[in-house]
Every structure is written in C-alpha cells, then in structure tokens.
C-alpha cells in the first residue's frame, strides 16, 4: 500500500511541476512581433495538418465530408459549426452509404 501512495504523490508532484512550468514559461512568451504572430497561428496550423493527413488517408467518403466542412467554414466562419457539419456529414455518409 505504501508504494501506491508514493506513486500517487509522485504523479501529483509531476503534474504540479508541469502546470507550474507551463505558467512560468507562458509569462515569458512575447506579446508582439513575429514570434507572437507565429505562436498565435500555431493552433490553426496544427489542426490543418491533422485534417489534411486524415483526408489523405481517407477515401471518397471522407473527402465529401471534408468538402461539406469546407463549405460551412467558408459560409459561416464558425469553427464549432464547421466541426459539427463535418462530423454530421461523415456520420450520415457512413450510415447511409
């Protein structure tokens, strides 16, 4: 039982250290300039790279769902609606085709 509690405390300390280091490093990030612009664009670039990879791995069903999501994104400029449309499209396509 002692090993279990030691593991729990060690994992709690590691979690706290990771969160604290993220906070401390986050305060040092630039607020303006080219690095700040690059860091602000990073989440979108990561999502785009993941979606592109999945579309390249998929077939026509995934491409149609991707096209639906793209159309919704261009029409609404809303990330939640785009994600919902893409998910609904692939679910409907897979269920009925």
PDB file of N, CA and C in Angstrom:
ATOM      1  N   UNK A   1       0.818  -1.189   0.000  1.00  0.00           N
ATOM      2  CA  UNK A   1       0.000   0.000   0.000  1.00  0.00           C
ATOM      3  C   UNK A   1       0.866   1.258   0.000  1.00  0.00           C
ATOM      4  N   UNK A   2       2.049   1.173   0.590  1.00  0.00           N
ATOM      5  CA  UNK A   2       2.938   2.330   0.642  1.00  0.00           C
ATOM      6  C   UNK A   2       3.417   2.718  -0.753  1.00  0.00           C
ATOM      7  N   UNK A   3       3.678   1.736  -1.589  1.00  0.00           N
ATOM      8  CA  UNK A   3       4.108   2.021  -2.955  1.00  0.00           C
ATOM      9  C   UNK A   3       3.022   2.761  -3.729  1.00  0.00           C
ATOM     10  N   UNK A   4       1.773   2.409  -3.483  1.00  0.00           N
ATOM     11  CA  UNK A   4       0.668   3.068  -4.167  1.00  0.00           C
ATOM     12  C   UNK A   4       0.615   4.546  -3.798  1.00  0.00           C
ATOM     13  N   UNK A   5       0.734   4.844  -2.505  1.00  0.00           N
ATOM     14  CA  UNK A   5       0.691   6.241  -2.067  1.00  0.00           C
ATOM     15  C   UNK A   5       1.911   7.015  -2.563  1.00  0.00           C
ATOM     16  N   UNK A   6       3.062   6.370  -2.598  1.00  0.00           N
ATOM     17  CA  UNK A   6       4.255   7.031  -3.133  1.00  0.00           C
ATOM     18  C   UNK A   6       4.065   7.378  -4.602  1.00  0.00           C
ATOM     19  N   UNK A   7       3.477   6.451  -5.345  1.00  0.00           N
ATOM     20  CA  UNK A   7       3.210   6.705  -6.759  1.00  0.00           C
ATOM     21  C   UNK A   7       2.206   7.846  -6.935  1.00  0.00           C
ATOM     22  N   UNK A   8       1.162   7.859  -6.128  1.00  0.00           N
ATOM     23  CA  UNK A   8       0.158   8.923  -6.209  1.00  0.00           C
ATOM     24  C   UNK A   8       0.798  10.280  -5.928  1.00  0.00           C
ATOM     25  N   UNK A   9       1.595  10.376  -4.892  1.00  0.00           N
ATOM     26  CA  UNK A   9       2.247  11.644  -4.551  1.00  0.00           C
ATOM     27  C   UNK A   9       3.265  12.061  -5.615  1.00  0.00           C
ATOM     28  N   UNK A  10       3.993  11.094  -6.167  1.00  0.00           N
ATOM     29  CA  UNK A  10       4.965  11.412  -7.216  1.00  0.00           C
ATOM     30  C   UNK A  10       4.264  11.928  -8.474  1.00  0.00           C
ATOM     31  N   UNK A  11       3.177  11.303  -8.857  1.00  0.00           N
ATOM     32  CA  UNK A  11       2.430  11.767 -10.028  1.00  0.00           C
ATOM     33  C   UNK A  11       1.780  13.122  -9.780  1.00  0.00           C
ATOM     34  N   UNK A  12       1.304  13.352  -8.560  1.00  0.00           N
ATOM     35  CA  UNK A  12       0.736  14.660  -8.232  1.00  0.00           C
ATOM     36  C   UNK A  12       1.804  15.743  -8.296  1.00  0.00           C
ATOM     37  N   UNK A  13       2.986  15.456  -7.787  1.00  0.00           N
ATOM     38  CA  UNK A  13       4.084  16.426  -7.850  1.00  0.00           C
ATOM     39  C   UNK A  13       4.506  16.685  -9.288  1.00  0.00           C
ATOM     40  N   UNK A  14       4.555  15.648 -10.104  1.00  0.00           N
ATOM     41  CA  UNK A  14       4.920  15.819 -11.510  1.00  0.00           C
ATOM     42  C   UNK A  14       3.874  16.659 -12.245  1.00  0.00           C
ATOM     43  N   UNK A  15       2.610  16.408 -11.966  1.00  0.00           N
ATOM     44  CA  UNK A  15       1.540  17.193 -12.584  1.00  0.00           C
ATOM     45  C   UNK A  15       1.642  18.657 -12.188  1.00  0.00           C
ATOM     46  N   UNK A  16       1.866  18.909 -10.913  1.00  0.00           N
ATOM     47  CA  UNK A  16       2.009  20.281 -10.443  1.00  0.00           C
ATOM     48  C   UNK A  16       3.219  20.955 -11.099  1.00  0.00           C
ATOM     49  N   UNK A  17       4.323  20.238 -11.213  1.00  0.00           N
ATOM     50  CA  UNK A  17       5.526  20.809 -11.823  1.00  0.00           C
ATOM     51  C   UNK A  17       5.298  21.145 -13.295  1.00  0.00           C
ATOM     52  N   UNK A  18       4.592  20.286 -14.015  1.00  0.00           N
ATOM     53  CA  UNK A  18       4.308  20.549 -15.425  1.00  0.00           C
ATOM     54  C   UNK A  18       3.412  21.774 -15.568  1.00  0.00           C
ATOM     55  N   UNK A  19       2.390  21.875 -14.735  1.00  0.00           N
ATOM     56  CA  UNK A  19       1.492  23.032 -14.807  1.00  0.00           C
ATOM     57  C   UNK A  19       2.213  24.318 -14.415  1.00  0.00           C
ATOM     58  N   UNK A  20       3.042  24.255 -13.397  1.00  0.00           N
ATOM     59  CA  UNK A  20       3.780  25.439 -12.967  1.00  0.00           C
ATOM     60  C   UNK A  20       4.776  25.874 -14.037  1.00  0.00           C
ATOM     61  N   UNK A  21       5.454  24.928 -14.659  1.00  0.00           N
ATOM     62  CA  UNK A  21       6.417  25.293 -15.703  1.00  0.00           C
ATOM     63  C   UNK A  21       5.710  25.899 -16.907  1.00  0.00           C
ATOM     64  N   UNK A  22       4.519  25.399 -17.252  1.00  0.00           N
ATOM     65  CA  UNK A  22       3.753  25.996 -18.338  1.00  0.00           C
ATOM     66  C   UNK A  22       3.360  27.425 -18.033  1.00  0.00           C
ATOM     67  N   UNK A  23       2.969  27.678 -16.801  1.00  0.00           N
ATOM     68  CA  UNK A  23       2.616  29.034 -16.394  1.00  0.00           C
ATOM     69  C   UNK A  23       3.840  29.948 -16.426  1.00  0.00           C
ATOM     70  N   UNK A  24       4.954  29.471 -15.907  1.00  0.00           N
ATOM     71  CA  UNK A  24       6.160  30.297 -15.856  1.00  0.00           C
ATOM     72  C   UNK A  24       6.699  30.579 -17.263  1.00  0.00           C
ATOM     73  N   UNK A  25       6.688  29.573 -18.124  1.00  0.00           N
ATOM     74  CA  UNK A  25       7.160  29.784 -19.495  1.00  0.00           C
ATOM     75  C   UNK A  25       6.186  30.646 -20.294  1.00  0.00           C
ATOM     76  N   UNK A  26       4.900  30.489 -20.041  1.00  0.00           N
ATOM     77  CA  UNK A  26       3.896  31.269 -20.749  1.00  0.00           C
ATOM     78  C   UNK A  26       4.014  32.756 -20.480  1.00  0.00           C
ATOM     79  N   UNK A  27       4.448  33.111 -19.301  1.00  0.00           N
ATOM     80  CA  UNK A  27       4.618  34.528 -18.978  1.00  0.00           C
ATOM     81  C   UNK A  27       5.772  35.141 -19.752  1.00  0.00           C
ATOM     82  N   UNK A  28       6.719  34.340 -20.204  1.00  0.00           N
ATOM     83  CA  UNK A  28       7.893  34.852 -20.911  1.00  0.00           C
ATOM     84  C   UNK A  28       7.692  34.939 -22.430  1.00  0.00           C
ATOM     85  N   UNK A  29       6.569  34.444 -22.941  1.00  0.00           N
ATOM     86  CA  UNK A  29       6.329  34.498 -24.373  1.00  0.00           C
ATOM     87  C   UNK A  29       6.095  35.935 -24.810  1.00  0.00           C
ATOM     88  N   UNK A  30       6.529  36.290 -26.018  1.00  0.00           N
ATOM     89  CA  UNK A  30       6.371  37.671 -26.475  1.00  0.00           C
ATOM     90  C   UNK A  30       4.904  38.007 -26.760  1.00  0.00           C
ATOM     91  N   UNK A  31       4.546  39.278 -26.508  1.00  0.00           N
ATOM     92  CA  UNK A  31       3.192  39.748 -26.767  1.00  0.00           C
ATOM     93  C   UNK A  31       3.031  40.327 -28.161  1.00  0.00           C
ATOM     94  N   UNK A  32       4.122  40.721 -28.789  1.00  0.00           N
ATOM     95  CA  UNK A  32       4.068  41.313 -30.110  1.00  0.00           C
ATOM     96  C   UNK A  32       5.321  40.919 -30.893  1.00  0.00           C
ATOM     97  N   UNK A  33       5.263  41.151 -32.195  1.00  0.00           N
ATOM     98  CA  UNK A  33       6.402  40.801 -33.040  1.00  0.00           C
ATOM     99  C   UNK A  33       6.165  39.522 -33.808  1.00  0.00           C
ATOM    100  N   UNK A  34       7.165  39.102 -34.573  1.00  0.00           N
ATOM    101  CA  UNK A  34       6.989  37.919 -35.430  1.00  0.00           C
ATOM    102  C   UNK A  34       6.792  36.622 -34.644  1.00  0.00           C
ATOM    103  N   UNK A  35       7.452  36.482 -33.508  1.00  0.00           N
ATOM    104  CA  UNK A  35       7.275  35.264 -32.708  1.00  0.00           C
ATOM    105  C   UNK A  35       5.860  35.166 -32.169  1.00  0.00           C
ATOM    106  N   UNK A  36       5.309  36.278 -31.731  1.00  0.00           N
ATOM    107  CA  UNK A  36       3.936  36.276 -31.209  1.00  0.00           C
ATOM    108  C   UNK A  36       2.947  35.915 -32.316  1.00  0.00           C
ATOM    109  N   UNK A  37       3.141  36.468 -33.521  1.00  0.00           N
ATOM    110  CA  UNK A  37       2.252  36.138 -34.638  1.00  0.00           C
ATOM    111  C   UNK A  37       2.353  34.657 -34.991  1.00  0.00           C
ATOM    112  N   UNK A  38       3.557  34.121 -34.975  1.00  0.00           N
ATOM    113  CA  UNK A  38       3.742  32.703 -35.264  1.00  0.00           C
ATOM    114  C   UNK A  38       3.081  31.809 -34.231  1.00  0.00           C
ATOM    115  N   UNK A  39       3.206  32.172 -32.975  1.00  0.00           N
ATOM    116  CA  UNK A  39       2.590  31.371 -31.916  1.00  0.00           C
ATOM    117  C   UNK A  39       1.069  31.463 -31.945  1.00  0.00           C
ATOM    118  N   UNK A  40       0.534  32.615 -32.367  1.00  0.00           N
ATOM    119  CA  UNK A  40      -0.917  32.753 -32.471  1.00  0.00           C
ATOM    120  C   UNK A  40      -1.464  31.920 -33.621  1.00  0.00           C
ATOM    121  N   UNK A  41      -0.692  31.722 -34.677  1.00  0.00           N
ATOM    122  CA  UNK A  41      -1.133  30.939 -35.828  1.00  0.00           C
ATOM    123  C   UNK A  41      -0.930  29.440 -35.624  1.00  0.00           C
ATOM    124  N   UNK A  42      -0.190  29.043 -34.623  1.00  0.00           N
ATOM    125  CA  UNK A  42       0.174  27.641 -34.434  1.00  0.00           C
ATOM    126  C   UNK A  42      -1.021  26.704 -34.253  1.00  0.00           C
ATOM    127  N   UNK A  43      -2.031  27.006 -33.424  1.00  0.00           N
ATOM    128  CA  UNK A  43      -3.140  26.044 -33.276  1.00  0.00           C
ATOM    129  C   UNK A  43      -3.853  25.753 -34.586  1.00  0.00           C
ATOM    130  N   UNK A  44      -4.093  26.771 -35.400  1.00  0.00           N
ATOM    131  CA  UNK A  44      -4.740  26.548 -36.683  1.00  0.00           C
ATOM    132  C   UNK A  44      -3.895  25.704 -37.611  1.00  0.00           C
ATOM    133  N   UNK A  45      -2.592  25.926 -37.587  1.00  0.00           N
ATOM    134  CA  UNK A  45      -1.687  25.133 -38.432  1.00  0.00           C
ATOM    135  C   UNK A  45      -1.681  23.668 -38.011  1.00  0.00           C
ATOM    136  N   UNK A  46      -1.727  23.418 -36.718  1.00  0.00           N
ATOM    137  CA  UNK A  46      -1.746  22.034 -36.239  1.00  0.00           C
ATOM    138  C   UNK A  46      -3.035  21.328 -36.636  1.00  0.00           C
ATOM    139  N   UNK A  47      -4.174  22.009 -36.489  1.00  0.00           N
ATOM    140  CA  UNK A  47      -5.450  21.415 -36.872  1.00  0.00           C
ATOM    141  C   UNK A  47      -5.463  21.139 -38.371  1.00  0.00           C
ATOM    142  N   UNK A  48      -4.989  22.095 -39.152  1.00  0.00           N
ATOM    143  CA  UNK A  48      -4.961  21.920 -40.609  1.00  0.00           C
ATOM    144  C   UNK A  48      -4.086  20.734 -41.008  1.00  0.00           C
ATOM    145  N   UNK A  49      -2.944  20.585 -40.367  1.00  0.00           N
ATOM    146  CA  UNK A  49      -2.064  19.465 -40.715  1.00  0.00           C
ATOM    147  C   UNK A  49      -2.690  18.125 -40.337  1.00  0.00           C
ATOM    148  N   UNK A  50      -3.383  18.053 -39.209  1.00  0.00           N
ATOM    149  CA  UNK A  50      -4.047  16.803 -38.813  1.00  0.00           C
ATOM    150  C   UNK A  50      -5.187  16.460 -39.765  1.00  0.00           C
ATOM    151  N   UNK A  51      -6.001  17.457 -40.114  1.00  0.00           N
ATOM    152  CA  UNK A  51      -7.121  17.212 -41.029  1.00  0.00           C
ATOM    153  C   UNK A  51      -6.607  16.812 -42.405  1.00  0.00           C
ATOM    154  N   UNK A  52      -5.579  17.468 -42.883  1.00  0.00           N
ATOM    155  CA  UNK A  52      -5.012  17.135 -44.195  1.00  0.00           C
ATOM    156  C   UNK A  52      -4.494  15.703 -44.209  1.00  0.00           C
ATOM    157  N   UNK A  53      -3.805  15.310 -43.164  1.00  0.00           N
ATOM    158  CA  UNK A  53      -3.290  13.944 -43.074  1.00  0.00           C
ATOM    159  C   UNK A  53      -4.439  12.937 -43.097  1.00  0.00           C
ATOM    160  N   UNK A  54      -5.494  13.208 -42.330  1.00  0.00           N
ATOM    161  CA  UNK A  54      -6.623  12.285 -42.290  1.00  0.00           C
ATOM    162  C   UNK A  54      -7.347  12.224 -43.630  1.00  0.00           C
ATOM    163  N   UNK A  55      -7.460  13.359 -44.316  1.00  0.00           N
ATOM    164  CA  UNK A  55      -8.095  13.344 -45.633  1.00  0.00           C
ATOM    165  C   UNK A  55      -7.257  12.569 -46.648  1.00  0.00           C
ATOM    166  N   UNK A  56      -5.952  12.679 -46.551  1.00  0.00           N
ATOM    167  CA  UNK A  56      -5.085  11.932 -47.471  1.00  0.00           C
ATOM    168  C   UNK A  56      -5.173  10.425 -47.208  1.00  0.00           C
ATOM    169  N   UNK A  57      -5.411  10.041 -45.975  1.00  0.00           N
ATOM    170  CA  UNK A  57      -5.554   8.631 -45.618  1.00  0.00           C
ATOM    171  C   UNK A  57      -6.934   8.090 -45.981  1.00  0.00           C
ATOM    172  N   UNK A  58      -7.937   8.976 -46.044  1.00  0.00           N
ATOM    173  CA  UNK A  58      -9.314   8.553 -46.271  1.00  0.00           C
ATOM    174  C   UNK A  58      -9.646   8.351 -47.727  1.00  0.00           C
ATOM    175  N   UNK A  59     -10.888   8.008 -47.941  1.00  0.00           N
ATOM    176  CA  UNK A  59     -11.382   7.779 -49.285  1.00  0.00           C
ATOM    177  C   UNK A  59     -12.416   8.822 -49.665  1.00  0.00           C
ATOM    178  N   UNK A  60     -13.235   8.510 -50.647  1.00  0.00           N
ATOM    179  CA  UNK A  60     -14.232   9.461 -51.132  1.00  0.00           C
ATOM    180  C   UNK A  60     -15.227   9.926 -50.059  1.00  0.00           C
ATOM    181  N   UNK A  61     -15.579   9.052 -49.134  1.00  0.00           N
ATOM    182  CA  UNK A  61     -16.499   9.454 -48.070  1.00  0.00           C
ATOM    183  C   UNK A  61     -15.910  10.580 -47.224  1.00  0.00           C
ATOM    184  N   UNK A  62     -14.663  10.436 -46.861  1.00  0.00           N
ATOM    185  CA  UNK A  62     -14.008  11.466 -46.051  1.00  0.00           C
ATOM    186  C   UNK A  62     -13.821  12.756 -46.843  1.00  0.00           C
ATOM    187  N   UNK A  63     -13.580  12.627 -48.152  1.00  0.00           N
ATOM    188  CA  UNK A  63     -13.393  13.818 -48.986  1.00  0.00           C
ATOM    189  C   UNK A  63     -14.697  14.603 -49.102  1.00  0.00           C
ATOM    190  N   UNK A  64     -15.814  13.895 -49.228  1.00  0.00           N
ATOM    191  CA  UNK A  64     -17.113  14.577 -49.295  1.00  0.00           C
ATOM    192  C   UNK A  64     -17.399  15.281 -47.975  1.00  0.00           C
ATOM    193  N   UNK A  65     -17.132  14.607 -46.862  1.00  0.00           N
ATOM    194  CA  UNK A  65     -17.341  15.239 -45.559  1.00  0.00           C
ATOM    195  C   UNK A  65     -16.411  16.439 -45.392  1.00  0.00           C
ATOM    196  N   UNK A  66     -15.189  16.339 -45.879  1.00  0.00           N
ATOM    197  CA  UNK A  66     -14.264  17.458 -45.828  1.00  0.00           C
ATOM    198  C   UNK A  66     -14.753  18.628 -46.665  1.00  0.00           C
ATOM    199  N   UNK A  67     -15.332  18.318 -47.833  1.00  0.00           N
ATOM    200  CA  UNK A  67     -15.875  19.379 -48.690  1.00  0.00           C
ATOM    201  C   UNK A  67     -17.063  20.062 -48.022  1.00  0.00           C
ATOM    202  N   UNK A  68     -17.912  19.281 -47.365  1.00  0.00           N
ATOM    203  CA  UNK A  68     -19.038  19.867 -46.628  1.00  0.00           C
ATOM    204  C   UNK A  68     -18.515  20.785 -45.526  1.00  0.00           C
ATOM    205  N   UNK A  69     -17.530  20.320 -44.770  1.00  0.00           N
ATOM    206  CA  UNK A  69     -16.958  21.136 -43.699  1.00  0.00           C
ATOM    207  C   UNK A  69     -16.321  22.400 -44.262  1.00  0.00           C
ATOM    208  N   UNK A  70     -15.634  22.297 -45.398  1.00  0.00           N
ATOM    209  CA  UNK A  70     -15.026  23.471 -46.014  1.00  0.00           C
ATOM    210  C   UNK A  70     -16.083  24.478 -46.445  1.00  0.00           C
ATOM    211  N   UNK A  71     -17.169  23.984 -47.030  1.00  0.00           N
ATOM    212  CA  UNK A  71     -18.242  24.884 -47.453  1.00  0.00           C
ATOM    213  C   UNK A  71     -18.860  25.604 -46.261  1.00  0.00           C
ATOM    214  N   UNK A  72     -19.078  24.879 -45.184  1.00  0.00           N
ATOM    215  CA  UNK A  72     -19.633  25.512 -43.979  1.00  0.00           C
ATOM    216  C   UNK A  72     -18.645  26.508 -43.403  1.00  0.00           C
ATOM    217  N   UNK A  73     -17.374  26.182 -43.405  1.00  0.00           N
ATOM    218  CA  UNK A  73     -16.349  27.096 -42.877  1.00  0.00           C
ATOM    219  C   UNK A  73     -16.309  28.389 -43.682  1.00  0.00           C
ATOM    220  N   UNK A  74     -16.363  28.273 -45.008  1.00  0.00           N
ATOM    221  CA  UNK A  74     -16.333  29.469 -45.844  1.00  0.00           C
ATOM    222  C   UNK A  74     -17.602  30.296 -45.707  1.00  0.00           C
ATOM    223  N   UNK A  75     -18.736  29.627 -45.503  1.00  0.00           N
ATOM    224  CA  UNK A  75     -20.009  30.341 -45.411  1.00  0.00           C
ATOM    225  C   UNK A  75     -20.209  31.008 -44.048  1.00  0.00           C
ATOM    226  N   UNK A  76     -19.769  30.346 -42.977  1.00  0.00           N
ATOM    227  CA  UNK A  76     -20.096  30.856 -41.635  1.00  0.00           C
ATOM    228  C   UNK A  76     -18.909  31.418 -40.866  1.00  0.00           C
ATOM    229  N   UNK A  77     -17.700  30.995 -41.208  1.00  0.00           N
ATOM    230  CA  UNK A  77     -16.504  31.386 -40.442  1.00  0.00           C
ATOM    231  C   UNK A  77     -16.627  31.011 -38.958  1.00  0.00           C
ATOM    232  N   UNK A  78     -17.284  29.901 -38.694  1.00  0.00           N
ATOM    233  CA  UNK A  78     -17.506  29.450 -37.320  1.00  0.00           C
ATOM    234  C   UNK A  78     -16.887  28.068 -37.136  1.00  0.00           C
ATOM    235  N   UNK A  79     -15.921  27.967 -36.249  1.00  0.00           N
ATOM    236  CA  UNK A  79     -15.261  26.686 -36.010  1.00  0.00           C
ATOM    237  C   UNK A  79     -16.223  25.640 -35.443  1.00  0.00           C
ATOM    238  N   UNK A  80     -17.043  25.959 -34.435  1.00  0.00           N
ATOM    239  CA  UNK A  80     -17.960  24.927 -33.928  1.00  0.00           C
ATOM    240  C   UNK A  80     -18.939  24.418 -34.990  1.00  0.00           C
ATOM    241  N   UNK A  81     -19.483  25.311 -35.809  1.00  0.00           N
ATOM    242  CA  UNK A  81     -20.400  24.873 -36.865  1.00  0.00           C
ATOM    243  C   UNK A  81     -19.674  24.029 -37.909  1.00  0.00           C
ATOM    244  N   UNK A  82     -18.450  24.406 -38.227  1.00  0.00           N
ATOM    245  CA  UNK A  82     -17.671  23.639 -39.194  1.00  0.00           C
ATOM    246  C   UNK A  82     -17.404  22.230 -38.677  1.00  0.00           C
ATOM    247  N   UNK A  83     -17.002  22.138 -37.418  1.00  0.00           N
ATOM    248  CA  UNK A  83     -16.740  20.818 -36.840  1.00  0.00           C
ATOM    249  C   UNK A  83     -18.012  19.981 -36.778  1.00  0.00           C
ATOM    250  N   UNK A  84     -19.120  20.600 -36.375  1.00  0.00           N
ATOM    251  CA  UNK A  84     -20.388  19.869 -36.298  1.00  0.00           C
ATOM    252  C   UNK A  84     -20.826  19.400 -37.684  1.00  0.00           C
ATOM    253  N   UNK A  85     -20.674  20.251 -38.686  1.00  0.00           N
ATOM    254  CA  UNK A  85     -21.069  19.871 -40.044  1.00  0.00           C
ATOM    255  C   UNK A  85     -20.209  18.727 -40.569  1.00  0.00           C
ATOM    256  N   UNK A  86     -18.910  18.785 -40.331  1.00  0.00           N
ATOM    257  CA  UNK A  86     -18.024  17.715 -40.776  1.00  0.00           C
ATOM    258  C   UNK A  86     -18.328  16.391 -40.100  1.00  0.00           C
ATOM    259  N   UNK A  87     -18.555  16.449 -38.800  1.00  0.00           N
ATOM    260  CA  UNK A  87     -18.872  15.224 -38.056  1.00  0.00           C
ATOM    261  C   UNK A  87     -20.211  14.662 -38.497  1.00  0.00           C
ATOM    262  N   UNK A  88     -21.221  15.538 -38.642  1.00  0.00           N
ATOM    263  CA  UNK A  88     -22.537  15.079 -39.089  1.00  0.00           C
ATOM    264  C   UNK A  88     -22.451  14.497 -40.501  1.00  0.00           C
ATOM    265  N   UNK A  89     -21.687  15.136 -41.361  1.00  0.00           N
ATOM    266  CA  UNK A  89     -21.583  14.644 -42.741  1.00  0.00           C
ATOM    267  C   UNK A  89     -20.959  13.257 -42.787  1.00  0.00           C
ATOM    268  N   UNK A  90     -19.867  13.044 -42.087  1.00  0.00           N
ATOM    269  CA  UNK A  90     -19.219  11.725 -42.151  1.00  0.00           C
ATOM    270  C   UNK A  90     -20.084  10.664 -41.481  1.00  0.00           C
ATOM    271  N   UNK A  91     -20.785  11.037 -40.419  1.00  0.00           N
ATOM    272  CA  UNK A  91     -21.679  10.059 -39.764  1.00  0.00           C
ATOM    273  C   UNK A  91     -22.819   9.666 -40.693  1.00  0.00           C
ATOM    274  N   UNK A  92     -23.437  10.627 -41.347  1.00  0.00           N
ATOM    275  CA  UNK A  92     -24.539  10.341 -42.262  1.00  0.00           C
ATOM    276  C   UNK A  92     -24.064   9.552 -43.470  1.00  0.00           C
ATOM    277  N   UNK A  93     -22.932   9.926 -44.015  1.00  0.00           N
ATOM    278  CA  UNK A  93     -22.402   9.214 -45.184  1.00  0.00           C
ATOM    279  C   UNK A  93     -22.097   7.770 -44.834  1.00  0.00           C
ATOM    280  N   UNK A  94     -21.461   7.556 -43.698  1.00  0.00           N
ATOM    281  CA  UNK A  94     -21.115   6.174 -43.313  1.00  0.00           C
ATOM    282  C   UNK A  94     -22.350   5.366 -42.940  1.00  0.00           C
ATOM    283  N   UNK A  95     -23.378   6.026 -42.411  1.00  0.00           N
ATOM    284  CA  UNK A  95     -24.573   5.294 -42.012  1.00  0.00           C
ATOM    285  C   UNK A  95     -25.442   4.900 -43.198  1.00  0.00           C
ATOM    286  N   UNK A  96     -25.481   5.750 -44.226  1.00  0.00           N
ATOM    287  CA  UNK A  96     -26.417   5.504 -45.310  1.00  0.00           C
ATOM    288  C   UNK A  96     -25.767   5.100 -46.633  1.00  0.00           C
ATOM    289  N   UNK A  97     -24.486   5.124 -46.739  1.00  0.00           N
ATOM    290  CA  UNK A  97     -23.832   4.698 -47.991  1.00  0.00           C
ATOM    291  C   UNK A  97     -22.944   3.502 -47.775  1.00  0.00           C
TER     292      UNK A  97
END
